[in-house]
C-alpha atoms as a PDB file:
ATOM      1  CA  MET A   1      -0.004  -0.002  -0.003  1.00  0.00           C
ATOM      2  CA  ALA A   2       1.352   3.410  -0.907  1.00  0.00           C
ATOM      3  CA  VAL A   3       1.272   6.097   1.792  1.00  0.00           C
ATOM      4  CA  VAL A   4       1.821   9.830   1.933  1.00  0.00           C
ATOM      5  CA  ARG A   5       4.419  10.311   4.628  1.00  0.00           C
ATOM      6  CA  PHE A   6       4.935  13.518   6.582  1.00  0.00           C
ATOM      7  CA  GLU A   7       7.932  14.143   8.808  1.00  0.00           C
ATOM      8  CA  ILE A   8       7.884  17.582  10.387  1.00  0.00           C
ATOM      9  CA  SER A   9      10.247  18.868  13.044  1.00  0.00           C
ATOM     10  CA  LEU A  10       9.987  22.544  13.964  1.00  0.00           C
ATOM     11  CA  ALA A  11      11.869  24.559  16.567  1.00  0.00           C
ATOM     12  CA  ILE A  12      10.194  27.915  17.189  1.00  0.00           C
ATOM     13  CA  PRO A  13      11.801  30.302  19.694  1.00  0.00           C
ATOM     14  CA  LYS A  14       9.641  30.344  22.820  1.00  0.00           C
ATOM     15  CA  GLU A  15       9.342  34.134  22.794  1.00  0.00           C
ATOM     16  CA  VAL A  16       7.943  33.932  19.244  1.00  0.00           C
ATOM     17  CA  TYR A  17       5.655  30.985  20.092  1.00  0.00           C
ATOM     18  CA  ASP A  18       4.286  32.889  23.075  1.00  0.00           C
ATOM     19  CA  THR A  19       3.108  35.682  20.745  1.00  0.00           C
ATOM     20  CA  ILE A  20       1.026  33.357  18.559  1.00  0.00           C
ATOM     21  CA  PRO A  21      -2.681  33.813  19.349  1.00  0.00           C
ATOM     22  CA  LEU A  22      -4.268  30.919  21.235  1.00  0.00           C
ATOM     23  CA  ALA A  23      -6.806  30.393  18.438  1.00  0.00           C
ATOM     24  CA  LYS A  24      -3.983  29.707  15.960  1.00  0.00           C
ATOM     25  CA  LYS A  25      -2.216  27.355  18.354  1.00  0.00           C
ATOM     26  CA  THR A  26      -5.478  25.484  18.899  1.00  0.00           C
ATOM     27  CA  ALA A  27      -6.180  25.327  15.145  1.00  0.00           C
ATOM     28  CA  ALA A  28      -2.696  23.920  14.475  1.00  0.00           C
ATOM     29  CA  ARG A  29      -3.117  21.324  17.238  1.00  0.00           C
ATOM     30  CA  ASP A  30      -6.533  20.309  15.904  1.00  0.00           C
ATOM     31  CA  ALA A  31      -5.210  19.984  12.342  1.00  0.00           C
ATOM     32  CA  ILE A  32      -2.366  17.752  13.550  1.00  0.00           C
ATOM     33  CA  ARG A  33      -4.789  15.620  15.550  1.00  0.00           C
ATOM     34  CA  GLY A  34      -7.046  15.294  12.504  1.00  0.00           C
ATOM     35  CA  LEU A  35      -4.194  14.045  10.333  1.00  0.00           C
ATOM     36  CA  LYS A  36      -2.970  11.776  13.124  1.00  0.00           C
ATOM     37  CA  ALA A  37      -6.406  10.150  13.293  1.00  0.00           C
ATOM     38  CA  LEU A  38      -5.974   9.074   9.649  1.00  0.00           C
ATOM     39  CA  ALA A  39      -2.408   7.803  10.078  1.00  0.00           C
ATOM     40  CA  VAL A  40      -1.294   4.182  10.121  1.00  0.00           C
ATOM     41  CA  LYS A  41       1.904   2.446  11.197  1.00  0.00           C
ATOM     42  CA  ILE A  42       4.007   1.425   8.211  1.00  0.00           C
ATOM     43  CA  ASN A  43       4.341  -2.375   8.116  1.00  0.00           C
ATOM     44  CA  GLU A  44       2.140  -2.719  11.204  1.00  0.00           C
ATOM     45  CA  GLY A  45       2.597  -6.019  13.002  1.00  0.00           C
ATOM     46  CA  GLN A  46       5.735  -6.912  11.086  1.00  0.00           C
ATOM     47  CA  SER A  47       9.319  -6.994  12.327  1.00  0.00           C
ATOM     48  CA  ASN A  48      10.078  -3.796  10.376  1.00  0.00           C
ATOM     49  CA  GLU A  49       7.077  -1.842  11.737  1.00  0.00           C
ATOM     50  CA  GLU A  50       7.652   1.899  11.830  1.00  0.00           C
ATOM     51  CA  MET A  51       6.048   4.239  14.370  1.00  0.00           C
ATOM     52  CA  THR A  52       4.458   6.687  11.960  1.00  0.00           C
ATOM     53  CA  VAL A  53       1.569   7.723  14.188  1.00  0.00           C
ATOM     54  CA  ARG A  54       3.306  10.150  16.508  1.00  0.00           C
ATOM     55  CA  ALA A  55       3.041  13.863  17.188  1.00  0.00           C
ATOM     56  CA  ILE A  56       4.642  15.455  20.246  1.00  0.00           C
ATOM     57  CA  TRP A  57       5.725  18.848  21.504  1.00  0.00           C
ATOM     58  CA  ARG A  58       7.899  20.052  24.366  1.00  0.00           C
ATOM     59  CA  VAL A  59       9.869  23.064  25.545  1.00  0.00           C
ATOM     60  CA  CYS A  60      13.574  22.480  24.911  1.00  0.00           C
ATOM     61  CA  TYR A  61      16.508  24.408  26.403  1.00  0.00           C
ATOM     62  CA  HIS A  62      19.461  23.084  24.356  1.00  0.00           C
ATOM     63  CA  ASP A  63      20.421  26.507  22.980  1.00  0.00           C
ATOM     64  CA  GLU A  64      20.769  28.079  26.434  1.00  0.00           C
ATOM     65  CA  GLY A  65      24.339  26.951  26.914  1.00  0.00           C
ATOM     66  CA  GLU A  66      26.075  24.975  29.614  1.00  0.00           C
ATOM     67  CA  GLY A  67      24.046  24.250  32.713  1.00  0.00           C
ATOM     68  CA  HIS A  68      20.726  24.786  30.930  1.00  0.00           C
ATOM     69  CA  PRO A  69      17.589  23.404  32.568  1.00  0.00           C
ATOM     70  CA  PRO A  70      16.465  19.970  31.392  1.00  0.00           C
ATOM     71  CA  CYS A  71      14.025  19.842  28.511  1.00  0.00           C
ATOM     72  CA  GLU A  72      10.408  19.474  29.525  1.00  0.00           C
ATOM     73  CA  PRO A  73       8.750  16.074  29.029  1.00  0.00           C
ATOM     74  CA  GLU A  74       7.316  15.248  25.624  1.00  0.00           C
ATOM     75  CA  GLN A  75       3.569  15.805  25.387  1.00  0.00           C
ATOM     76  CA  GLU A  76       1.434  13.946  22.890  1.00  0.00           C
ATOM     77  CA  ILE A  77      -0.567  16.073  20.480  1.00  0.00           C
END
């Protein structure tokens, strides 16, 4: 079976993300959830199964230099 595969990884500065209106954040979340509901695992049940039904977000501090706080836990979308 052919599939359309999306792989999206975005890193938006928190100060920019915080300026996005809540309605837009909610609309983006809902769109991701809608697509996720249609998704399937590639080769489900086989030894080469791929986890292709995953969408997460978290606050990450890697760019804050040495001694940065730990990244927040991943949250499922």
